[in-house]
């Protein structure tokens, strides 16, 4: 089966963003269905900017005035976020297969020595950063950049399908700087430049759920990548130890506990981030005390 041209996908996404504002709720539901098909289809090649565009359209619809559309958008987001890391896993497997020598040496070392800087890899790192920002009540950078440019995309959509891709370089560069250095952008993610989460539809509770699901489902993938492990240390671990906006909510505390436990068992206990084990155990003890109190 052939793959669909990324330029055509950019044009489609531009049309979907326009359709997301349609007055007919049925049309908006079809937009969400289309986003799921695009993000999960293996025959569709997506650049990092197209991935961000698809996610940002879905996020925008979390605040839809129609309750059924808003709920469907939340369910769709739960499918789209894991699909980014599914793409990363496939991207990595393909590149390992195409480089037998590198693949055999990585296999002998117990995992992929270094993941490529492909589109899914860039998107995965940027999305990991955005989720940790949203969990802490801050506005996601990567997704917000695409939402901020939506007016230009909508204006250009009627003329050409390249408008969606036109805003890719700046945001991709941002995600690249965060991914290449492991903790480069991640280290500054808590800075004062990020707005409150009230400016973005992803709530801290939803972001925490998505972060937990991502880490649990793709633990082996993260363990096999030095860059993703650095992102875990620079982004996820500080998030676990911070005071969260909805921390008094029992469901949020439970998710924090599960995430900390998974990170401790899947990463620290395996030696991937052994130096952080004491900090993780302290977080687990503190959460247990809060639950008992």
C-alpha atoms as a PDB file:
ATOM      1  CA  UNK A   1       0.000   0.000   0.000  1.00  0.00           C
ATOM      2  CA  UNK A   2       1.334   3.433  -0.922  1.00  0.00           C
ATOM      3  CA  UNK A   3       1.561   6.344   1.476  1.00  0.00           C
ATOM      4  CA  UNK A   4      -0.407   9.568   1.282  1.00  0.00           C
ATOM      5  CA  UNK A   5       1.605  12.663   0.382  1.00  0.00           C
ATOM      6  CA  UNK A   6       2.263  14.899   3.452  1.00  0.00           C
ATOM      7  CA  UNK A   7       1.426  18.004   1.385  1.00  0.00           C
ATOM      8  CA  UNK A   8      -2.046  16.611   0.748  1.00  0.00           C
ATOM      9  CA  UNK A   9      -2.480  15.987   4.476  1.00  0.00           C
ATOM     10  CA  UNK A  10      -1.588  19.616   5.212  1.00  0.00           C
ATOM     11  CA  UNK A  11      -4.352  20.719   2.878  1.00  0.00           C
ATOM     12  CA  UNK A  12      -6.823  18.309   4.487  1.00  0.00           C
ATOM     13  CA  UNK A  13      -5.947  19.524   7.982  1.00  0.00           C
ATOM     14  CA  UNK A  14      -6.469  23.122   6.902  1.00  0.00           C
ATOM     15  CA  UNK A  15      -9.965  22.208   5.710  1.00  0.00           C
ATOM     16  CA  UNK A  16     -10.677  20.317   8.926  1.00  0.00           C
ATOM     17  CA  UNK A  17      -9.748  23.343  11.013  1.00  0.00           C
ATOM     18  CA  UNK A  18     -12.237  25.391   9.029  1.00  0.00           C
ATOM     19  CA  UNK A  19     -14.894  22.697   9.416  1.00  0.00           C
ATOM     20  CA  UNK A  20     -14.307  22.582  13.177  1.00  0.00           C
ATOM     21  CA  UNK A  21     -16.056  25.949  13.322  1.00  0.00           C
ATOM     22  CA  UNK A  22     -19.097  24.753  11.376  1.00  0.00           C
ATOM     23  CA  UNK A  23     -22.428  25.571  13.023  1.00  0.00           C
ATOM     24  CA  UNK A  24     -23.643  22.005  12.478  1.00  0.00           C
ATOM     25  CA  UNK A  25     -22.570  19.723  15.357  1.00  0.00           C
ATOM     26  CA  UNK A  26     -22.670  16.692  13.057  1.00  0.00           C
ATOM     27  CA  UNK A  27     -20.026  18.290  10.855  1.00  0.00           C
ATOM     28  CA  UNK A  28     -17.840  18.934  13.887  1.00  0.00           C
ATOM     29  CA  UNK A  29     -18.162  15.297  14.970  1.00  0.00           C
ATOM     30  CA  UNK A  30     -17.048  14.235  11.509  1.00  0.00           C
ATOM     31  CA  UNK A  31     -13.977  16.424  11.918  1.00  0.00           C
ATOM     32  CA  UNK A  32     -13.028  14.435  15.014  1.00  0.00           C
ATOM     33  CA  UNK A  33     -13.585  11.153  13.173  1.00  0.00           C
ATOM     34  CA  UNK A  34     -11.353  12.367  10.358  1.00  0.00           C
ATOM     35  CA  UNK A  35      -8.599  13.380  12.788  1.00  0.00           C
ATOM     36  CA  UNK A  36      -8.632   9.887  14.286  1.00  0.00           C
ATOM     37  CA  UNK A  37      -8.354   8.279  10.847  1.00  0.00           C
ATOM     38  CA  UNK A  38      -5.478  10.547   9.829  1.00  0.00           C
ATOM     39  CA  UNK A  39      -3.491  10.059  13.037  1.00  0.00           C
ATOM     40  CA  UNK A  40      -3.947   6.292  13.319  1.00  0.00           C
ATOM     41  CA  UNK A  41      -3.628   5.255   9.662  1.00  0.00           C
ATOM     42  CA  UNK A  42      -0.205   3.760   8.933  1.00  0.00           C
ATOM     43  CA  UNK A  43      -0.464   4.787   5.279  1.00  0.00           C
ATOM     44  CA  UNK A  44      -0.549   8.489   6.228  1.00  0.00           C
ATOM     45  CA  UNK A  45       2.854  10.142   6.592  1.00  0.00           C
ATOM     46  CA  UNK A  46       2.778  13.061   9.011  1.00  0.00           C
ATOM     47  CA  UNK A  47       5.389  15.703   9.730  1.00  0.00           C
ATOM     48  CA  UNK A  48       5.709  17.082  13.246  1.00  0.00           C
ATOM     49  CA  UNK A  49       3.817  20.242  12.274  1.00  0.00           C
ATOM     50  CA  UNK A  50       0.921  18.197  10.878  1.00  0.00           C
ATOM     51  CA  UNK A  51       0.795  16.141  14.076  1.00  0.00           C
ATOM     52  CA  UNK A  52       0.642  19.334  16.125  1.00  0.00           C
ATOM     53  CA  UNK A  53      -2.034  20.724  13.821  1.00  0.00           C
ATOM     54  CA  UNK A  54      -4.234  17.638  14.218  1.00  0.00           C
ATOM     55  CA  UNK A  55      -3.844  17.683  18.007  1.00  0.00           C
ATOM     56  CA  UNK A  56      -4.512  21.412  18.255  1.00  0.00           C
ATOM     57  CA  UNK A  57      -7.749  21.100  16.254  1.00  0.00           C
ATOM     58  CA  UNK A  58      -8.926  18.395  18.640  1.00  0.00           C
ATOM     59  CA  UNK A  59      -7.896  20.441  21.697  1.00  0.00           C
ATOM     60  CA  UNK A  60      -9.801  23.451  20.404  1.00  0.00           C
ATOM     61  CA  UNK A  61     -12.953  21.344  20.296  1.00  0.00           C
ATOM     62  CA  UNK A  62     -12.649  20.369  23.964  1.00  0.00           C
ATOM     63  CA  UNK A  63     -14.472  23.635  24.713  1.00  0.00           C
ATOM     64  CA  UNK A  64     -17.212  23.079  22.134  1.00  0.00           C
ATOM     65  CA  UNK A  65     -20.589  24.517  23.139  1.00  0.00           C
ATOM     66  CA  UNK A  66     -22.237  21.207  22.280  1.00  0.00           C
ATOM     67  CA  UNK A  67     -21.645  18.756  25.120  1.00  0.00           C
ATOM     68  CA  UNK A  68     -21.598  15.693  22.867  1.00  0.00           C
ATOM     69  CA  UNK A  69     -18.927  17.264  20.660  1.00  0.00           C
ATOM     70  CA  UNK A  70     -16.826  18.266  23.673  1.00  0.00           C
ATOM     71  CA  UNK A  71     -17.026  14.762  25.152  1.00  0.00           C
ATOM     72  CA  UNK A  72     -16.175  13.197  21.798  1.00  0.00           C
ATOM     73  CA  UNK A  73     -13.201  15.562  21.469  1.00  0.00           C
ATOM     74  CA  UNK A  74     -11.907  14.421  24.867  1.00  0.00           C
ATOM     75  CA  UNK A  75     -12.280  10.768  23.865  1.00  0.00           C
ATOM     76  CA  UNK A  76     -10.576  11.517  20.551  1.00  0.00           C
ATOM     77  CA  UNK A  77      -7.660  13.194  22.306  1.00  0.00           C
ATOM     78  CA  UNK A  78      -7.187  10.024  24.369  1.00  0.00           C
ATOM     79  CA  UNK A  79      -6.675   8.180  21.069  1.00  0.00           C
ATOM     80  CA  UNK A  80      -4.534  10.784  19.322  1.00  0.00           C
ATOM     81  CA  UNK A  81      -1.898  11.241  22.036  1.00  0.00           C
ATOM     82  CA  UNK A  82      -0.916   7.526  22.195  1.00  0.00           C
ATOM     83  CA  UNK A  83      -0.953   7.395  18.394  1.00  0.00           C
ATOM     84  CA  UNK A  84       1.968   9.854  18.323  1.00  0.00           C
ATOM     85  CA  UNK A  85       4.110   7.426  20.306  1.00  0.00           C
ATOM     86  CA  UNK A  86       2.812   4.493  18.261  1.00  0.00           C
ATOM     87  CA  UNK A  87       4.149   6.331  15.221  1.00  0.00           C
ATOM     88  CA  UNK A  88       7.444   6.870  17.019  1.00  0.00           C
ATOM     89  CA  UNK A  89       7.704   3.141  17.728  1.00  0.00           C
ATOM     90  CA  UNK A  90       7.047   2.317  14.055  1.00  0.00           C
ATOM     91  CA  UNK A  91       9.448   5.021  12.886  1.00  0.00           C
ATOM     92  CA  UNK A  92      12.166   3.602  15.110  1.00  0.00           C
ATOM     93  CA  UNK A  93      11.552  -0.001  14.005  1.00  0.00           C
ATOM     94  CA  UNK A  94      11.743   0.953  10.333  1.00  0.00           C
ATOM     95  CA  UNK A  95      15.010   2.824  10.740  1.00  0.00           C
ATOM     96  CA  UNK A  96      16.521  -0.026  12.732  1.00  0.00           C
ATOM     97  CA  UNK A  97      15.502  -2.476   9.988  1.00  0.00           C
ATOM     98  CA  UNK A  98      17.072  -0.225   7.371  1.00  0.00           C
ATOM     99  CA  UNK A  99      20.356  -0.127   9.313  1.00  0.00           C
ATOM    100  CA  UNK A 100      21.140  -3.767  10.229  1.00  0.00           C
ATOM    101  CA  UNK A 101      24.509  -3.025  11.801  1.00  0.00           C
ATOM    102  CA  UNK A 102      23.137  -0.308  14.009  1.00  0.00           C
ATOM    103  CA  UNK A 103      20.123  -2.458  14.799  1.00  0.00           C
ATOM    104  CA  UNK A 104      22.207  -5.456  15.881  1.00  0.00           C
ATOM    105  CA  UNK A 105      24.429  -3.352  18.107  1.00  0.00           C
ATOM    106  CA  UNK A 106      21.390  -1.718  19.679  1.00  0.00           C
ATOM    107  CA  UNK A 107      19.770  -5.103  20.224  1.00  0.00           C
ATOM    108  CA  UNK A 108      22.873  -6.420  21.942  1.00  0.00           C
ATOM    109  CA  UNK A 109      22.741  -3.454  24.278  1.00  0.00           C
ATOM    110  CA  UNK A 110      19.163  -4.197  25.289  1.00  0.00           C
ATOM    111  CA  UNK A 111      17.435  -1.453  23.343  1.00  0.00           C
ATOM    112  CA  UNK A 112      17.671   1.233  20.692  1.00  0.00           C
ATOM    113  CA  UNK A 113      20.885   3.107  21.349  1.00  0.00           C
ATOM    114  CA  UNK A 114      19.646   6.409  20.014  1.00  0.00           C
ATOM    115  CA  UNK A 115      16.328   7.193  18.398  1.00  0.00           C
ATOM    116  CA  UNK A 116      16.371   9.175  15.142  1.00  0.00           C
ATOM    117  CA  UNK A 117      15.273  12.784  14.997  1.00  0.00           C
ATOM    118  CA  UNK A 118      12.340  11.997  12.734  1.00  0.00           C
ATOM    119  CA  UNK A 119       8.980  13.752  12.699  1.00  0.00           C
ATOM    120  CA  UNK A 120       7.334  11.430  15.229  1.00  0.00           C
ATOM    121  CA  UNK A 121      10.369  11.704  17.501  1.00  0.00           C
ATOM    122  CA  UNK A 122      10.241  15.518  17.457  1.00  0.00           C
ATOM    123  CA  UNK A 123       6.488  15.444  18.026  1.00  0.00           C
ATOM    124  CA  UNK A 124       6.816  12.949  20.887  1.00  0.00           C
ATOM    125  CA  UNK A 125       9.338  15.084  22.752  1.00  0.00           C
ATOM    126  CA  UNK A 126       7.338  18.275  22.215  1.00  0.00           C
ATOM    127  CA  UNK A 127       4.107  16.572  23.290  1.00  0.00           C
ATOM    128  CA  UNK A 128       5.770  15.184  26.426  1.00  0.00           C
ATOM    129  CA  UNK A 129       6.812  18.710  27.348  1.00  0.00           C
ATOM    130  CA  UNK A 130       3.353  20.110  26.635  1.00  0.00           C
ATOM    131  CA  UNK A 131       1.620  17.508  28.802  1.00  0.00           C
ATOM    132  CA  UNK A 132       3.873  18.253  31.774  1.00  0.00           C
ATOM    133  CA  UNK A 133       3.221  21.974  31.360  1.00  0.00           C
ATOM    134  CA  UNK A 134      -0.538  21.400  31.265  1.00  0.00           C
ATOM    135  CA  UNK A 135      -0.379  19.146  34.335  1.00  0.00           C
ATOM    136  CA  UNK A 136       1.256  21.991  36.256  1.00  0.00           C
ATOM    137  CA  UNK A 137      -1.414  24.453  35.161  1.00  0.00           C
ATOM    138  CA  UNK A 138       0.633  26.124  32.428  1.00  0.00           C
ATOM    139  CA  UNK A 139      -0.274  26.602  28.786  1.00  0.00           C
ATOM    140  CA  UNK A 140       1.296  24.036  26.403  1.00  0.00           C
ATOM    141  CA  UNK A 141       3.869  25.689  24.145  1.00  0.00           C
ATOM    142  CA  UNK A 142       3.929  23.460  21.076  1.00  0.00           C
ATOM    143  CA  UNK A 143       0.164  23.087  20.697  1.00  0.00           C
ATOM    144  CA  UNK A 144      -0.527  26.710  21.637  1.00  0.00           C
ATOM    145  CA  UNK A 145       1.840  27.883  18.901  1.00  0.00           C
ATOM    146  CA  UNK A 146      -0.322  26.133  16.328  1.00  0.00           C
ATOM    147  CA  UNK A 147      -3.535  27.444  17.834  1.00  0.00           C
ATOM    148  CA  UNK A 148      -2.137  30.970  17.772  1.00  0.00           C
ATOM    149  CA  UNK A 149      -1.467  30.609  14.058  1.00  0.00           C
ATOM    150  CA  UNK A 150      -4.916  29.226  13.286  1.00  0.00           C
ATOM    151  CA  UNK A 151      -6.139  32.531  11.898  1.00  0.00           C
ATOM    152  CA  UNK A 152      -3.391  32.530   9.275  1.00  0.00           C
ATOM    153  CA  UNK A 153      -4.103  28.906   8.454  1.00  0.00           C
ATOM    154  CA  UNK A 154      -7.810  29.533   8.015  1.00  0.00           C
ATOM    155  CA  UNK A 155      -7.138  32.546   5.815  1.00  0.00           C
ATOM    156  CA  UNK A 156      -4.728  30.592   3.625  1.00  0.00           C
ATOM    157  CA  UNK A 157      -6.802  27.420   3.472  1.00  0.00           C
ATOM    158  CA  UNK A 158      -9.015  28.819   0.741  1.00  0.00           C
ATOM    159  CA  UNK A 159      -6.008  29.591  -1.469  1.00  0.00           C
ATOM    160  CA  UNK A 160      -3.571  26.739  -0.885  1.00  0.00           C
ATOM    161  CA  UNK A 161      -3.087  23.664   1.231  1.00  0.00           C
ATOM    162  CA  UNK A 162       0.439  24.694   2.213  1.00  0.00           C
ATOM    163  CA  UNK A 163      -0.680  27.123   4.898  1.00  0.00           C
ATOM    164  CA  UNK A 164      -0.810  24.432   7.532  1.00  0.00           C
ATOM    165  CA  UNK A 165       2.735  23.368   6.865  1.00  0.00           C
ATOM    166  CA  UNK A 166       3.934  26.967   6.752  1.00  0.00           C
ATOM    167  CA  UNK A 167       3.778  27.332  10.463  1.00  0.00           C
ATOM    168  CA  UNK A 168       5.633  24.104  11.046  1.00  0.00           C
ATOM    169  CA  UNK A 169       9.274  25.259  11.068  1.00  0.00           C
ATOM    170  CA  UNK A 170       9.055  27.593  14.044  1.00  0.00           C
ATOM    171  CA  UNK A 171       7.217  25.139  16.254  1.00  0.00           C
ATOM    172  CA  UNK A 172       9.231  22.198  14.991  1.00  0.00           C
ATOM    173  CA  UNK A 173      12.369  24.117  15.811  1.00  0.00           C
ATOM    174  CA  UNK A 174      11.081  24.614  19.285  1.00  0.00           C
ATOM    175  CA  UNK A 175      10.407  20.934  19.718  1.00  0.00           C
ATOM    176  CA  UNK A 176      13.737  20.094  18.184  1.00  0.00           C
ATOM    177  CA  UNK A 177      15.607  22.232  20.656  1.00  0.00           C
ATOM    178  CA  UNK A 178      13.790  20.507  23.456  1.00  0.00           C
ATOM    179  CA  UNK A 179      14.474  17.075  22.048  1.00  0.00           C
ATOM    180  CA  UNK A 180      18.038  17.407  20.857  1.00  0.00           C
ATOM    181  CA  UNK A 181      19.368  18.503  24.194  1.00  0.00           C
ATOM    182  CA  UNK A 182      17.139  16.177  26.145  1.00  0.00           C
ATOM    183  CA  UNK A 183      16.469  18.678  28.876  1.00  0.00           C
ATOM    184  CA  UNK A 184      17.209  21.923  27.053  1.00  0.00           C
ATOM    185  CA  UNK A 185      13.726  23.285  26.543  1.00  0.00           C
ATOM    186  CA  UNK A 186      12.488  21.038  29.268  1.00  0.00           C
ATOM    187  CA  UNK A 187      14.613  22.723  31.857  1.00  0.00           C
ATOM    188  CA  UNK A 188      13.035  26.065  31.115  1.00  0.00           C
ATOM    189  CA  UNK A 189       9.500  24.743  30.804  1.00  0.00           C
ATOM    190  CA  UNK A 190       8.549  26.100  34.167  1.00  0.00           C
ATOM    191  CA  UNK A 191       9.562  29.631  33.304  1.00  0.00           C
ATOM    192  CA  UNK A 192       7.403  32.682  33.540  1.00  0.00           C
ATOM    193  CA  UNK A 193       6.694  32.824  29.812  1.00  0.00           C
ATOM    194  CA  UNK A 194       3.986  30.180  29.998  1.00  0.00           C
ATOM    195  CA  UNK A 195       0.440  31.339  30.571  1.00  0.00           C
ATOM    196  CA  UNK A 196      -2.021  29.695  32.941  1.00  0.00           C
ATOM    197  CA  UNK A 197      -3.856  26.572  31.828  1.00  0.00           C
ATOM    198  CA  UNK A 198      -7.126  28.526  31.861  1.00  0.00           C
ATOM    199  CA  UNK A 199      -6.007  29.828  28.455  1.00  0.00           C
ATOM    200  CA  UNK A 200      -5.867  26.296  27.057  1.00  0.00           C
ATOM    201  CA  UNK A 201      -8.636  23.670  26.879  1.00  0.00           C
ATOM    202  CA  UNK A 202      -6.474  20.830  28.246  1.00  0.00           C
ATOM    203  CA  UNK A 203      -7.111  20.754  31.995  1.00  0.00           C
ATOM    204  CA  UNK A 204      -4.425  19.590  34.466  1.00  0.00           C
ATOM    205  CA  UNK A 205      -6.521  16.497  35.248  1.00  0.00           C
ATOM    206  CA  UNK A 206      -6.850  15.520  31.576  1.00  0.00           C
ATOM    207  CA  UNK A 207      -3.158  16.199  30.937  1.00  0.00           C
ATOM    208  CA  UNK A 208      -2.183  14.024  33.891  1.00  0.00           C
ATOM    209  CA  UNK A 209      -4.342  11.173  32.576  1.00  0.00           C
ATOM    210  CA  UNK A 210      -2.739  11.463  29.135  1.00  0.00           C
ATOM    211  CA  UNK A 211       0.767  11.636  30.618  1.00  0.00           C
ATOM    212  CA  UNK A 212       0.143   8.597  32.786  1.00  0.00           C
ATOM    213  CA  UNK A 213      -1.251   6.592  29.854  1.00  0.00           C
ATOM    214  CA  UNK A 214       1.681   7.568  27.648  1.00  0.00           C
ATOM    215  CA  UNK A 215       4.352   6.598  30.174  1.00  0.00           C
ATOM    216  CA  UNK A 216       2.643   3.318  31.118  1.00  0.00           C
ATOM    217  CA  UNK A 217       1.961   2.224  27.533  1.00  0.00           C
ATOM    218  CA  UNK A 218       5.343   3.178  26.085  1.00  0.00           C
ATOM    219  CA  UNK A 219       7.742   2.470  28.951  1.00  0.00           C
ATOM    220  CA  UNK A 220       9.971   0.182  26.896  1.00  0.00           C
ATOM    221  CA  UNK A 221      10.174   2.713  24.069  1.00  0.00           C
ATOM    222  CA  UNK A 222      11.215   5.463  26.474  1.00  0.00           C
ATOM    223  CA  UNK A 223      13.722   3.182  28.212  1.00  0.00           C
ATOM    224  CA  UNK A 224      15.387   2.515  24.862  1.00  0.00           C
ATOM    225  CA  UNK A 225      16.019   6.179  24.087  1.00  0.00           C
ATOM    226  CA  UNK A 226      18.597   8.311  25.943  1.00  0.00           C
ATOM    227  CA  UNK A 227      16.851  11.474  24.717  1.00  0.00           C
ATOM    228  CA  UNK A 228      13.429  10.375  25.958  1.00  0.00           C
ATOM    229  CA  UNK A 229      14.931   9.288  29.275  1.00  0.00           C
ATOM    230  CA  UNK A 230      16.479  12.742  29.674  1.00  0.00           C
ATOM    231  CA  UNK A 231      13.080  14.224  28.942  1.00  0.00           C
ATOM    232  CA  UNK A 232      11.598  12.017  31.656  1.00  0.00           C
ATOM    233  CA  UNK A 233      14.142  13.302  34.157  1.00  0.00           C
ATOM    234  CA  UNK A 234      13.804  16.940  33.101  1.00  0.00           C
ATOM    235  CA  UNK A 235      10.019  17.026  32.694  1.00  0.00           C
ATOM    236  CA  UNK A 236       8.099  14.212  34.368  1.00  0.00           C
ATOM    237  CA  UNK A 237      10.065  13.870  37.603  1.00  0.00           C
ATOM    238  CA  UNK A 238       9.803  17.589  38.552  1.00  0.00           C
ATOM    239  CA  UNK A 239       6.095  17.423  37.723  1.00  0.00           C
ATOM    240  CA  UNK A 240       5.603  14.575  40.183  1.00  0.00           C
ATOM    241  CA  UNK A 241       7.229  16.601  42.924  1.00  0.00           C
ATOM    242  CA  UNK A 242       5.388  19.868  42.228  1.00  0.00           C
ATOM    243  CA  UNK A 243       2.137  21.137  43.731  1.00  0.00           C
ATOM    244  CA  UNK A 244      -0.578  20.643  41.162  1.00  0.00           C
ATOM    245  CA  UNK A 245      -3.713  22.803  40.729  1.00  0.00           C
ATOM    246  CA  UNK A 246      -6.115  19.872  41.308  1.00  0.00           C
ATOM    247  CA  UNK A 247      -4.001  17.952  43.799  1.00  0.00           C
ATOM    248  CA  UNK A 248      -6.723  17.969  46.458  1.00  0.00           C
ATOM    249  CA  UNK A 249      -8.894  15.936  44.082  1.00  0.00           C
ATOM    250  CA  UNK A 250      -8.617  12.230  45.126  1.00  0.00           C
ATOM    251  CA  UNK A 251      -8.662  11.096  41.501  1.00  0.00           C
ATOM    252  CA  UNK A 252      -5.718  13.382  40.714  1.00  0.00           C
ATOM    253  CA  UNK A 253      -3.755  12.104  43.711  1.00  0.00           C
ATOM    254  CA  UNK A 254      -4.433   8.532  42.597  1.00  0.00           C
ATOM    255  CA  UNK A 255      -3.151   9.239  39.107  1.00  0.00           C
ATOM    256  CA  UNK A 256      -0.058  10.933  40.529  1.00  0.00           C
ATOM    257  CA  UNK A 257       0.586   7.879  42.681  1.00  0.00           C
ATOM    258  CA  UNK A 258       0.165   5.488  39.748  1.00  0.00           C
ATOM    259  CA  UNK A 259       2.444   7.583  37.541  1.00  0.00           C
ATOM    260  CA  UNK A 260       5.135   7.794  40.245  1.00  0.00           C
ATOM    261  CA  UNK A 261       4.866   4.051  40.882  1.00  0.00           C
ATOM    262  CA  UNK A 262       5.187   3.226  37.178  1.00  0.00           C
ATOM    263  CA  UNK A 263       8.184   5.520  36.752  1.00  0.00           C
ATOM    264  CA  UNK A 264       9.813   3.949  39.817  1.00  0.00           C
ATOM    265  CA  UNK A 265       9.178   0.361  38.684  1.00  0.00           C
ATOM    266  CA  UNK A 266       9.669   0.716  34.935  1.00  0.00           C
ATOM    267  CA  UNK A 267      12.580   3.154  34.903  1.00  0.00           C
ATOM    268  CA  UNK A 268      14.353   3.671  38.209  1.00  0.00           C
ATOM    269  CA  UNK A 269      14.327   0.029  39.328  1.00  0.00           C
ATOM    270  CA  UNK A 270      15.733  -1.013  35.955  1.00  0.00           C
ATOM    271  CA  UNK A 271      18.615   1.384  36.387  1.00  0.00           C
ATOM    272  CA  UNK A 272      17.456   3.722  33.621  1.00  0.00           C
ATOM    273  CA  UNK A 273      17.155   6.678  35.994  1.00  0.00           C
ATOM    274  CA  UNK A 274      18.515   5.079  39.166  1.00  0.00           C
ATOM    275  CA  UNK A 275      19.620   8.415  40.645  1.00  0.00           C
ATOM    276  CA  UNK A 276      15.984   9.516  40.845  1.00  0.00           C
ATOM    277  CA  UNK A 277      14.713   6.492  42.769  1.00  0.00           C
ATOM    278  CA  UNK A 278      14.974   8.159  46.193  1.00  0.00           C
ATOM    279  CA  UNK A 279      13.041  11.195  44.948  1.00  0.00           C
ATOM    280  CA  UNK A 280      10.333   8.966  43.467  1.00  0.00           C
ATOM    281  CA  UNK A 281       9.975   7.005  46.686  1.00  0.00           C
ATOM    282  CA  UNK A 282       9.620  10.287  48.599  1.00  0.00           C
ATOM    283  CA  UNK A 283       6.795  11.320  46.249  1.00  0.00           C
ATOM    284  CA  UNK A 284       5.055   7.972  46.764  1.00  0.00           C
ATOM    285  CA  UNK A 285       5.332   8.258  50.547  1.00  0.00           C
ATOM    286  CA  UNK A 286       4.002  11.828  50.499  1.00  0.00           C
ATOM    287  CA  UNK A 287       1.012  10.809  48.365  1.00  0.00           C
ATOM    288  CA  UNK A 288       0.259   7.883  50.671  1.00  0.00           C
ATOM    289  CA  UNK A 289       0.316  10.206  53.680  1.00  0.00           C
ATOM    290  CA  UNK A 290      -2.082  12.604  51.945  1.00  0.00           C
ATOM    291  CA  UNK A 291      -4.447   9.727  51.176  1.00  0.00           C
ATOM    292  CA  UNK A 292      -4.284   8.475  54.780  1.00  0.00           C
ATOM    293  CA  UNK A 293      -4.823  11.962  56.178  1.00  0.00           C
END
